[in-house]
Amino acid sequence: MKHVVIVEDDLDISRLLTLELEESGFRVSAYATGVRGLAGIREEKPDLIILDLGLPDLSGAEIARRVRRTDLIPIIILTAADDVETKVEMLNAGADDYLAKPFHVEELMARVGVQLRKHSVGAPRTVGDLTIDGVRRQIFWTTEEVKVSPREFELLQYLATQPGRVYSRREIEQNVWGEDLPPTSNVVDVHVANIRGKMRDAGGYGVIRTVRGVGYAIKG
């Protein structure tokens, strides 16, 4: 069971997030102040942190900086500000992602899933001749490394979660990009095409299967 720490002084938001996360199978610890939240993070070593930026005692940016000195725990920051300066400050402080308030819980849950997959560790996953190393973030076809972009890696890793299962474009958008893209967007198709080209160059033909009108699957 993955453990998420919430540091949020708005109790309504904190309760809502706790409920949604627990219903999705997460263990949750919630703190209303920065000092208590930082202590909880250090003691509990969670799998992911959801962090309010505007806390009453210790700012979310400062907590992120302190956590990042010793840990690579993924951090999603919630903020009422949506200006470029704030975003840059958060990313420089060590945040992995941010979401402006007000937000949709569904989008936050999708971003939680994205960050947990990005930071997943363990033995490399092998599907046929395809190997996905989540620790080193490398892709191999037989013994040859296939150079892919970070987003292409995440797409392949997501499809390999259940080889053979067909994932819709909307599922891919939510779990790889963390949001629903505009209906006219072909970004998923472009990334799939790029991956196919790189796999073909390495001898990996037909790794990703298209189901017309539905989505994509990795051959099991």
Protein backbone atom coordinates (compact mmCIF):
# COMPACT_ATOMS: atom_id res chain seq x y z
CA MET A 1 0.00 0.00 0.00
CA LYS A 2 1.49 3.33 -1.09
CA HIS A 3 1.73 6.02 1.59
CA VAL A 4 0.90 9.67 0.84
CA VAL A 5 1.53 12.59 3.19
CA ILE A 6 -0.71 15.65 2.79
CA VAL A 7 0.46 18.98 4.23
CA GLU A 8 -2.50 21.34 3.85
CA ASP A 9 -3.97 23.87 6.29
CA ASP A 10 -7.38 24.01 4.57
CA LEU A 11 -9.16 21.22 6.44
CA ASP A 12 -11.90 20.85 3.81
CA ILE A 13 -9.33 20.23 1.09
CA SER A 14 -7.32 17.95 3.36
CA ARG A 15 -10.37 15.84 4.23
CA LEU A 16 -11.44 15.61 0.59
CA LEU A 17 -8.00 14.48 -0.56
CA THR A 18 -7.69 12.01 2.31
CA LEU A 19 -11.04 10.45 1.41
CA GLU A 20 -10.22 10.18 -2.30
CA LEU A 21 -6.78 8.71 -1.69
CA GLU A 22 -7.99 6.20 0.88
CA GLU A 23 -10.80 5.08 -1.43
CA SER A 24 -8.14 4.53 -4.11
CA GLY A 25 -6.16 2.26 -1.78
CA PHE A 26 -3.55 4.65 -0.39
CA ARG A 27 -2.50 5.04 3.22
CA VAL A 28 -2.70 8.73 4.14
CA SER A 29 -1.20 10.96 6.84
CA ALA A 30 -2.44 14.57 6.92
CA TYR A 31 -0.86 17.56 8.64
CA ALA A 32 -2.15 21.13 8.93
CA THR A 33 1.15 22.95 9.55
CA GLY A 34 4.49 22.98 7.83
CA VAL A 35 6.53 22.14 10.93
CA ARG A 36 4.42 19.11 11.80
CA GLY A 37 4.27 18.07 8.16
CA LEU A 38 8.05 18.19 7.76
CA ALA A 39 8.50 16.14 10.93
CA GLY A 40 5.97 13.61 9.68
CA ILE A 41 7.71 13.34 6.31
CA ARG A 42 11.09 12.74 7.94
CA GLU A 43 9.67 10.12 10.29
CA GLU A 44 7.37 8.27 7.90
CA LYS A 45 9.30 8.45 4.59
CA PRO A 46 6.15 8.41 2.41
CA ASP A 47 5.96 7.43 -1.25
CA LEU A 48 4.57 10.84 -2.26
CA ILE A 49 3.92 14.29 -0.76
CA ILE A 50 1.02 16.63 -1.55
CA LEU A 51 2.11 20.01 -0.29
CA ASP A 52 0.23 23.30 0.08
CA LEU A 53 2.41 26.27 -0.82
CA GLY A 54 0.82 28.82 1.56
CA LEU A 55 1.17 27.23 4.99
CA PRO A 56 0.91 29.39 8.13
CA ASP A 57 4.33 28.64 9.61
CA LEU A 58 6.75 27.07 7.12
CA SER A 59 6.19 27.58 3.41
CA GLY A 60 5.68 24.68 1.06
CA ALA A 61 8.68 25.81 -0.98
CA GLU A 62 10.92 25.66 2.10
CA ILE A 63 9.62 22.20 3.00
CA ALA A 64 10.32 21.03 -0.56
CA ARG A 65 13.86 22.39 -0.37
CA ARG A 66 14.54 20.63 2.94
CA VAL A 67 13.07 17.34 1.75
CA ARG A 68 15.01 17.46 -1.49
CA ARG A 69 18.34 17.78 0.36
CA THR A 70 18.06 14.19 1.54
CA ASP A 71 15.22 12.45 -0.35
CA LEU A 72 13.85 11.97 -3.86
CA ILE A 73 10.24 11.56 -2.68
CA PRO A 74 7.95 12.97 -5.41
CA ILE A 75 6.33 16.27 -4.41
CA ILE A 76 3.14 17.74 -5.85
CA ILE A 77 2.53 21.31 -4.74
CA LEU A 78 -0.92 22.89 -4.45
CA THR A 79 -0.97 26.64 -4.87
CA ALA A 80 -3.43 29.49 -5.27
CA ALA A 81 -0.87 31.26 -7.47
CA ASP A 82 -0.51 30.40 -11.15
CA ASP A 83 2.11 32.90 -12.29
CA VAL A 84 5.40 31.98 -13.94
CA GLU A 85 7.55 33.25 -11.05
CA THR A 86 5.79 31.00 -8.54
CA LYS A 87 6.07 27.99 -10.84
CA VAL A 88 9.79 28.58 -11.33
CA GLU A 89 10.28 28.96 -7.57
CA MET A 90 8.46 25.69 -6.89
CA LEU A 91 10.41 23.73 -9.49
CA ASN A 92 13.70 25.20 -8.28
CA ALA A 93 12.75 24.20 -4.75
CA GLY A 94 12.50 20.59 -5.88
CA ALA A 95 8.81 20.10 -6.67
CA ASP A 96 8.00 17.47 -9.29
CA ASP A 97 4.61 18.89 -10.22
CA TYR A 98 2.13 21.58 -9.20
CA LEU A 99 -1.58 22.18 -9.42
CA ALA A 100 -3.30 25.54 -9.12
CA LYS A 101 -6.32 25.95 -6.85
CA PRO A 102 -9.19 25.46 -7.40
CA PHE A 103 -8.52 22.06 -8.97
CA HIS A 104 -10.37 18.91 -9.95
CA VAL A 105 -9.69 15.95 -7.68
CA GLU A 106 -9.64 13.64 -10.71
CA GLU A 107 -6.76 15.61 -12.21
CA LEU A 108 -4.81 15.52 -8.95
CA MET A 109 -5.31 11.74 -8.68
CA ALA A 110 -4.03 11.34 -12.23
CA ARG A 111 -0.95 13.40 -11.39
CA VAL A 112 -0.38 11.27 -8.27
CA GLY A 113 -0.36 8.19 -10.48
CA VAL A 114 2.05 9.79 -12.94
CA GLN A 115 4.55 10.74 -10.23
CA LEU A 116 4.42 7.34 -8.54
CA ARG A 117 5.16 5.63 -11.85
CA LYS A 118 8.00 8.03 -12.60
CA HIS A 119 9.60 7.25 -9.25
CA SER A 120 8.80 3.56 -9.17
CA VAL A 121 11.69 1.25 -8.28
CA GLY A 122 12.21 -2.46 -8.43
CA ALA A 123 13.30 -5.13 -10.88
CA PRO A 124 13.16 -4.23 -14.58
CA ARG A 125 9.90 -5.24 -16.29
CA THR A 126 10.27 -7.58 -19.26
CA VAL A 127 7.60 -8.10 -21.92
CA GLY A 128 8.89 -10.50 -24.56
CA ASP A 129 12.15 -9.01 -25.86
CA LEU A 130 11.30 -5.58 -24.44
CA THR A 131 12.83 -4.58 -21.09
CA ILE A 132 11.80 -1.46 -19.17
CA ASP A 133 14.17 -0.47 -16.38
CA GLY A 134 12.22 1.87 -14.10
CA VAL A 135 15.20 2.60 -11.84
CA ARG A 136 17.60 3.72 -14.57
CA ARG A 137 14.74 4.82 -16.87
CA GLN A 138 16.14 2.84 -19.79
CA ILE A 139 14.49 0.81 -22.55
CA PHE A 140 16.09 -2.27 -24.14
CA TRP A 141 15.12 -4.45 -27.08
CA THR A 142 16.90 -7.74 -26.43
CA THR A 143 20.30 -6.36 -25.35
CA GLU A 144 20.27 -3.09 -27.32
CA GLU A 145 19.30 0.12 -25.54
CA VAL A 146 16.61 2.14 -27.30
CA LYS A 147 17.00 5.86 -26.64
CA VAL A 148 13.62 7.42 -25.86
CA SER A 149 12.49 10.77 -24.47
CA PRO A 150 11.21 10.99 -20.86
CA ARG A 151 7.60 11.15 -22.07
CA GLU A 152 8.09 8.21 -24.42
CA PHE A 153 9.54 6.21 -21.54
CA GLU A 154 6.52 7.01 -19.37
CA LEU A 155 4.14 6.01 -22.16
CA LEU A 156 5.86 2.66 -22.68
CA GLN A 157 6.03 2.06 -18.94
CA TYR A 158 2.31 2.77 -18.60
CA LEU A 159 1.31 0.46 -21.46
CA ALA A 160 3.50 -2.28 -19.96
CA THR A 161 1.60 -2.13 -16.67
CA GLN A 162 -0.78 -4.75 -18.14
CA PRO A 163 0.65 -6.19 -21.37
CA GLY A 164 -2.08 -6.99 -23.87
CA ARG A 165 -4.62 -4.64 -22.31
CA VAL A 166 -5.85 -1.88 -24.61
CA TYR A 167 -5.55 1.59 -23.07
CA SER A 168 -7.72 4.37 -24.47
CA ARG A 169 -6.19 7.67 -25.49
CA ARG A 170 -7.99 9.35 -22.58
CA GLU A 171 -6.46 6.89 -20.10
CA ILE A 172 -3.03 7.52 -21.59
CA GLU A 173 -3.50 11.29 -21.47
CA GLN A 174 -4.60 11.23 -17.83
CA ASN A 175 -1.93 8.83 -16.63
CA VAL A 176 1.06 9.91 -18.72
CA TRP A 177 0.35 13.62 -19.29
CA GLY A 178 -1.67 14.03 -16.09
CA GLU A 179 -4.59 15.75 -17.85
CA ASP A 180 -7.15 15.49 -20.63
CA LEU A 181 -5.70 17.00 -23.79
CA PRO A 182 -7.84 18.93 -26.31
CA PRO A 183 -9.98 16.65 -28.52
CA THR A 184 -8.02 17.79 -31.57
CA SER A 185 -4.65 16.89 -30.03
CA ASN A 186 -2.71 14.07 -31.66
CA VAL A 187 0.16 14.14 -29.17
CA VAL A 188 -0.43 10.52 -28.05
CA ASP A 189 -0.38 9.27 -31.65
CA VAL A 190 2.78 11.26 -32.40
CA HIS A 191 4.59 9.79 -29.38
CA VAL A 192 3.48 6.26 -30.30
CA ALA A 193 4.75 6.79 -33.85
CA ASN A 194 8.10 8.04 -32.53
CA ILE A 195 8.45 5.02 -30.24
CA ARG A 196 7.60 2.63 -33.09
CA GLY A 197 10.25 4.22 -35.30
CA LYS A 198 12.92 3.89 -32.62
CA MET A 199 11.91 0.30 -31.84
CA ARG A 200 12.01 -0.64 -35.54
CA ASP A 201 15.56 0.72 -35.77
CA ALA A 202 16.49 -1.72 -32.98
CA GLY A 203 14.65 -4.64 -34.61
CA GLY A 204 11.53 -4.39 -32.45
CA TYR A 205 8.67 -4.58 -34.93
CA GLY A 206 5.05 -4.38 -33.80
CA VAL A 207 5.74 -3.77 -30.11
CA ILE A 208 2.77 -1.41 -29.77
CA ARG A 209 -0.53 -2.61 -31.20
CA THR A 210 -3.24 -0.21 -32.40
CA VAL A 211 -6.89 -1.04 -31.81
CA ARG A 212 -8.71 1.27 -34.18
CA GLY A 213 -11.16 3.59 -32.44
CA VAL A 214 -10.05 2.43 -28.98
CA GLY A 215 -6.37 2.95 -28.24
CA TYR A 216 -3.05 1.17 -27.86
CA ALA A 217 -1.57 -1.91 -26.20
CA ILE A 218 1.82 -3.51 -25.77
CA LYS A 219 1.78 -7.03 -27.15
CA GLY A 220 1.72 -9.48 -24.27
